[in-house]
C-alpha atoms as a PDB file:
ATOM      1  CA  UNK A   1      22.095 -29.725 -15.589  1.00  0.00           C
ATOM      2  CA  UNK A   2      20.189 -26.503 -15.105  1.00  0.00           C
ATOM      3  CA  UNK A   3      19.178 -25.474 -11.635  1.00  0.00           C
ATOM      4  CA  UNK A   4      15.546 -25.441 -10.545  1.00  0.00           C
ATOM      5  CA  UNK A   5      13.893 -23.612  -7.678  1.00  0.00           C
ATOM      6  CA  UNK A   6      13.554 -26.971  -5.950  1.00  0.00           C
ATOM      7  CA  UNK A   7      17.347 -27.375  -5.821  1.00  0.00           C
ATOM      8  CA  UNK A   8      17.601 -24.409  -3.449  1.00  0.00           C
ATOM      9  CA  UNK A   9      17.440 -24.083   0.340  1.00  0.00           C
ATOM     10  CA  UNK A  10      16.714 -21.032   2.461  1.00  0.00           C
ATOM     11  CA  UNK A  11      16.926 -20.477   6.204  1.00  0.00           C
ATOM     12  CA  UNK A  12      13.668 -19.859   8.024  1.00  0.00           C
ATOM     13  CA  UNK A  13      13.400 -17.082  10.576  1.00  0.00           C
ATOM     14  CA  UNK A  14      13.678 -19.778  13.280  1.00  0.00           C
ATOM     15  CA  UNK A  15      17.130 -20.774  11.971  1.00  0.00           C
ATOM     16  CA  UNK A  16      15.913 -24.044  10.406  1.00  0.00           C
ATOM     17  CA  UNK A  17      17.027 -24.762   6.838  1.00  0.00           C
ATOM     18  CA  UNK A  18      14.058 -25.182   4.506  1.00  0.00           C
ATOM     19  CA  UNK A  19      14.422 -27.094   1.242  1.00  0.00           C
ATOM     20  CA  UNK A  20      12.298 -25.522  -1.457  1.00  0.00           C
ATOM     21  CA  UNK A  21      11.679 -28.993  -2.880  1.00  0.00           C
ATOM     22  CA  UNK A  22       9.298 -29.426   0.086  1.00  0.00           C
ATOM     23  CA  UNK A  23       6.964 -27.057  -1.792  1.00  0.00           C
ATOM     24  CA  UNK A  24       6.812 -29.247  -4.923  1.00  0.00           C
ATOM     25  CA  UNK A  25       3.246 -29.540  -6.155  1.00  0.00           C
ATOM     26  CA  UNK A  26       2.222 -26.239  -4.561  1.00  0.00           C
ATOM     27  CA  UNK A  27       1.657 -22.808  -6.055  1.00  0.00           C
ATOM     28  CA  UNK A  28       4.172 -20.449  -4.431  1.00  0.00           C
ATOM     29  CA  UNK A  29       4.150 -16.683  -4.085  1.00  0.00           C
ATOM     30  CA  UNK A  30       7.619 -15.444  -3.070  1.00  0.00           C
ATOM     31  CA  UNK A  31       7.869 -11.877  -1.758  1.00  0.00           C
ATOM     32  CA  UNK A  32      10.729  -9.704  -0.510  1.00  0.00           C
ATOM     33  CA  UNK A  33       9.267  -7.890   2.488  1.00  0.00           C
ATOM     34  CA  UNK A  34      10.021  -5.016   4.871  1.00  0.00           C
ATOM     35  CA  UNK A  35       8.392  -3.793   8.081  1.00  0.00           C
ATOM     36  CA  UNK A  36       8.824  -0.040   7.581  1.00  0.00           C
ATOM     37  CA  UNK A  37       7.762   0.375   3.963  1.00  0.00           C
ATOM     38  CA  UNK A  38       4.751   2.092   2.424  1.00  0.00           C
ATOM     39  CA  UNK A  39       3.796  -1.360   1.089  1.00  0.00           C
ATOM     40  CA  UNK A  40       4.048  -3.101   4.506  1.00  0.00           C
ATOM     41  CA  UNK A  41       0.221  -3.240   4.826  1.00  0.00           C
ATOM     42  CA  UNK A  42       0.343  -5.785   1.971  1.00  0.00           C
ATOM     43  CA  UNK A  43       1.168  -8.327   4.688  1.00  0.00           C
ATOM     44  CA  UNK A  44      -2.558  -8.219   5.448  1.00  0.00           C
ATOM     45  CA  UNK A  45      -3.492  -9.141   1.865  1.00  0.00           C
ATOM     46  CA  UNK A  46      -0.815 -11.823   1.711  1.00  0.00           C
ATOM     47  CA  UNK A  47      -2.108 -13.413   4.916  1.00  0.00           C
ATOM     48  CA  UNK A  48      -5.702 -13.239   3.605  1.00  0.00           C
ATOM     49  CA  UNK A  49      -4.645 -15.111   0.432  1.00  0.00           C
ATOM     50  CA  UNK A  50      -2.772 -17.637   2.555  1.00  0.00           C
ATOM     51  CA  UNK A  51      -5.799 -18.216   4.798  1.00  0.00           C
ATOM     52  CA  UNK A  52      -8.078 -18.614   1.799  1.00  0.00           C
ATOM     53  CA  UNK A  53      -5.919 -20.908  -0.364  1.00  0.00           C
ATOM     54  CA  UNK A  54      -3.359 -22.741   1.780  1.00  0.00           C
ATOM     55  CA  UNK A  55      -5.750 -25.708   1.977  1.00  0.00           C
ATOM     56  CA  UNK A  56      -5.790 -25.815  -1.831  1.00  0.00           C
ATOM     57  CA  UNK A  57      -2.004 -25.784  -2.120  1.00  0.00           C
ATOM     58  CA  UNK A  58      -0.837 -22.162  -1.929  1.00  0.00           C
ATOM     59  CA  UNK A  59       2.384 -21.304  -0.120  1.00  0.00           C
ATOM     60  CA  UNK A  60       3.563 -17.767   0.490  1.00  0.00           C
ATOM     61  CA  UNK A  61       7.218 -17.283   1.352  1.00  0.00           C
ATOM     62  CA  UNK A  62       8.302 -13.972   2.872  1.00  0.00           C
ATOM     63  CA  UNK A  63      11.929 -12.893   2.606  1.00  0.00           C
ATOM     64  CA  UNK A  64      12.691  -9.755   4.645  1.00  0.00           C
ATOM     65  CA  UNK A  65      15.232  -7.470   2.998  1.00  0.00           C
ATOM     66  CA  UNK A  66      16.936  -4.292   4.220  1.00  0.00           C
ATOM     67  CA  UNK A  67      18.436  -3.167   0.891  1.00  0.00           C
ATOM     68  CA  UNK A  68      15.919  -0.413   0.189  1.00  0.00           C
ATOM     69  CA  UNK A  69      16.230   2.757   2.317  1.00  0.00           C
ATOM     70  CA  UNK A  70      16.886   0.662   5.481  1.00  0.00           C
ATOM     71  CA  UNK A  71      13.192  -0.276   5.761  1.00  0.00           C
ATOM     72  CA  UNK A  72      13.861  -3.605   7.509  1.00  0.00           C
ATOM     73  CA  UNK A  73      16.346  -2.665  10.249  1.00  0.00           C
ATOM     74  CA  UNK A  74      15.190  -5.196  12.869  1.00  0.00           C
ATOM     75  CA  UNK A  75      16.592  -8.550  13.886  1.00  0.00           C
ATOM     76  CA  UNK A  76      14.977 -11.739  12.615  1.00  0.00           C
ATOM     77  CA  UNK A  77      13.149 -12.075  15.959  1.00  0.00           C
ATOM     78  CA  UNK A  78      11.873  -8.478  15.778  1.00  0.00           C
ATOM     79  CA  UNK A  79      10.659  -9.021  12.208  1.00  0.00           C
ATOM     80  CA  UNK A  80       8.817 -12.217  13.110  1.00  0.00           C
ATOM     81  CA  UNK A  81       7.078 -10.683  16.099  1.00  0.00           C
ATOM     82  CA  UNK A  82       6.163  -7.550  14.091  1.00  0.00           C
ATOM     83  CA  UNK A  83       4.557  -9.672  11.356  1.00  0.00           C
ATOM     84  CA  UNK A  84       2.612 -11.821  13.804  1.00  0.00           C
ATOM     85  CA  UNK A  85       1.539  -8.984  16.109  1.00  0.00           C
ATOM     86  CA  UNK A  86       0.491  -6.497  13.404  1.00  0.00           C
ATOM     87  CA  UNK A  87      -0.725  -8.754  10.589  1.00  0.00           C
ATOM     88  CA  UNK A  88      -1.250 -12.223  12.073  1.00  0.00           C
ATOM     89  CA  UNK A  89       1.263 -13.652   9.602  1.00  0.00           C
ATOM     90  CA  UNK A  90       1.310 -17.452   9.608  1.00  0.00           C
ATOM     91  CA  UNK A  91       3.061 -18.100   6.296  1.00  0.00           C
ATOM     92  CA  UNK A  92       6.799 -18.842   6.450  1.00  0.00           C
ATOM     93  CA  UNK A  93       9.089 -15.875   7.041  1.00  0.00           C
ATOM     94  CA  UNK A  94      12.755 -16.449   6.298  1.00  0.00           C
ATOM     95  CA  UNK A  95      15.919 -14.877   7.673  1.00  0.00           C
ATOM     96  CA  UNK A  96      16.700 -11.396   6.395  1.00  0.00           C
ATOM     97  CA  UNK A  97      18.518 -11.561   3.056  1.00  0.00           C
ATOM     98  CA  UNK A  98      19.848  -9.454   0.196  1.00  0.00           C
ATOM     99  CA  UNK A  99      17.941  -9.681  -3.081  1.00  0.00           C
ATOM    100  CA  UNK A 100      20.455  -7.755  -5.237  1.00  0.00           C
ATOM    101  CA  UNK A 101      24.221  -7.539  -5.507  1.00  0.00           C
ATOM    102  CA  UNK A 102      27.065  -9.918  -4.796  1.00  0.00           C
ATOM    103  CA  UNK A 103      25.415 -11.230  -1.624  1.00  0.00           C
ATOM    104  CA  UNK A 104      21.977 -11.793  -3.183  1.00  0.00           C
ATOM    105  CA  UNK A 105      20.344 -14.951  -1.883  1.00  0.00           C
ATOM    106  CA  UNK A 106      20.363 -17.824  -4.431  1.00  0.00           C
ATOM    107  CA  UNK A 107      16.546 -17.940  -4.405  1.00  0.00           C
ATOM    108  CA  UNK A 108      16.386 -14.343  -5.621  1.00  0.00           C
ATOM    109  CA  UNK A 109      19.243 -14.810  -8.090  1.00  0.00           C
ATOM    110  CA  UNK A 110      17.200 -17.651  -9.574  1.00  0.00           C
ATOM    111  CA  UNK A 111      13.921 -15.697  -9.595  1.00  0.00           C
ATOM    112  CA  UNK A 112      15.518 -12.603 -11.137  1.00  0.00           C
ATOM    113  CA  UNK A 113      17.086 -14.696 -13.891  1.00  0.00           C
ATOM    114  CA  UNK A 114      13.778 -16.413 -14.697  1.00  0.00           C
ATOM    115  CA  UNK A 115      11.592 -13.293 -14.580  1.00  0.00           C
ATOM    116  CA  UNK A 116      13.361 -10.023 -15.118  1.00  0.00           C
ATOM    117  CA  UNK A 117      11.552  -6.804 -14.437  1.00  0.00           C
ATOM    118  CA  UNK A 118      10.660  -3.843 -16.588  1.00  0.00           C
ATOM    119  CA  UNK A 119      14.128  -2.267 -16.219  1.00  0.00           C
ATOM    120  CA  UNK A 120      16.299  -5.403 -16.075  1.00  0.00           C
ATOM    121  CA  UNK A 121      16.581  -8.171 -13.549  1.00  0.00           C
ATOM    122  CA  UNK A 122      17.474  -6.307 -10.362  1.00  0.00           C
ATOM    123  CA  UNK A 123      14.736  -5.843  -7.794  1.00  0.00           C
ATOM    124  CA  UNK A 124      13.809  -2.193  -7.418  1.00  0.00           C
ATOM    125  CA  UNK A 125      11.877  -2.201  -4.133  1.00  0.00           C
ATOM    126  CA  UNK A 126      10.297  -4.177  -1.295  1.00  0.00           C
ATOM    127  CA  UNK A 127       7.242  -6.324  -1.969  1.00  0.00           C
ATOM    128  CA  UNK A 128       8.295  -7.454  -5.435  1.00  0.00           C
ATOM    129  CA  UNK A 129       6.407 -10.722  -5.906  1.00  0.00           C
ATOM    130  CA  UNK A 130       7.131 -13.867  -7.925  1.00  0.00           C
ATOM    131  CA  UNK A 131       4.410 -16.401  -8.736  1.00  0.00           C
ATOM    132  CA  UNK A 132       5.578 -20.000  -9.192  1.00  0.00           C
ATOM    133  CA  UNK A 133       3.445 -22.866 -10.506  1.00  0.00           C
ATOM    134  CA  UNK A 134       3.161 -26.394  -9.075  1.00  0.00           C
ATOM    135  CA  UNK A 135       6.080 -27.563 -11.246  1.00  0.00           C
ATOM    136  CA  UNK A 136       8.425 -24.847  -9.997  1.00  0.00           C
ATOM    137  CA  UNK A 137       8.193 -22.631 -13.087  1.00  0.00           C
ATOM    138  CA  UNK A 138       8.357 -18.899 -12.461  1.00  0.00           C
ATOM    139  CA  UNK A 139       5.138 -17.686 -14.083  1.00  0.00           C
ATOM    140  CA  UNK A 140       5.210 -13.972 -13.422  1.00  0.00           C
ATOM    141  CA  UNK A 141       6.938 -11.157 -11.580  1.00  0.00           C
ATOM    142  CA  UNK A 142       4.823  -8.423 -10.002  1.00  0.00           C
ATOM    143  CA  UNK A 143       5.817  -4.877  -9.117  1.00  0.00           C
ATOM    144  CA  UNK A 144       5.628  -3.747  -5.481  1.00  0.00           C
ATOM    145  CA  UNK A 145       2.526  -1.662  -6.226  1.00  0.00           C
ATOM    146  CA  UNK A 146       0.619  -4.790  -7.327  1.00  0.00           C
ATOM    147  CA  UNK A 147      -1.457  -5.756  -4.317  1.00  0.00           C
ATOM    148  CA  UNK A 148      -1.919  -9.403  -3.319  1.00  0.00           C
ATOM    149  CA  UNK A 149      -5.636  -9.086  -4.142  1.00  0.00           C
ATOM    150  CA  UNK A 150      -4.776  -8.310  -7.781  1.00  0.00           C
ATOM    151  CA  UNK A 151      -2.902 -11.619  -8.064  1.00  0.00           C
ATOM    152  CA  UNK A 152      -5.753 -13.750  -6.693  1.00  0.00           C
ATOM    153  CA  UNK A 153      -7.289 -14.741 -10.062  1.00  0.00           C
ATOM    154  CA  UNK A 154      -3.917 -15.948 -11.354  1.00  0.00           C
ATOM    155  CA  UNK A 155      -3.349 -17.925  -8.156  1.00  0.00           C
ATOM    156  CA  UNK A 156      -6.806 -19.517  -8.484  1.00  0.00           C
ATOM    157  CA  UNK A 157      -6.071 -20.514 -12.087  1.00  0.00           C
ATOM    158  CA  UNK A 158      -2.743 -22.128 -11.147  1.00  0.00           C
ATOM    159  CA  UNK A 159      -4.289 -23.982  -8.207  1.00  0.00           C
ATOM    160  CA  UNK A 160      -6.853 -25.557 -10.574  1.00  0.00           C
ATOM    161  CA  UNK A 161      -4.197 -26.829 -13.010  1.00  0.00           C
END
């Protein structure tokens, strides 16, 4: 039997295990994040999308990662408070993870396998985004330079399906 996104679990920043099957029927945008990256201001756009569409079934899942130039050095508590204080982040933030290599989190192993990037499946930088439809299918992978605002039309279309 092949694995689906809904078979996976990830640990929230609070330490609580979160089953991804709880997001069945929702459109999900999964992002590997960092607090000290040139793309960090995208938290603002992500939160704006979340505010606008969470009532229609959008979930945004943030996965902090410190694999790129040590741009997420803080503890899980530091990361959470940074996101809330600077960007008013209310969407779920998970414990810091690896997205590449032997210790890559299963969620990102799955996403990379389903939607490889321009130069193969490894993630090249923070704020790589994966859009998932209501059935758990990985629809598209977005480069870090793609702002949340540029994904809005695709999110709207998936929410209407």
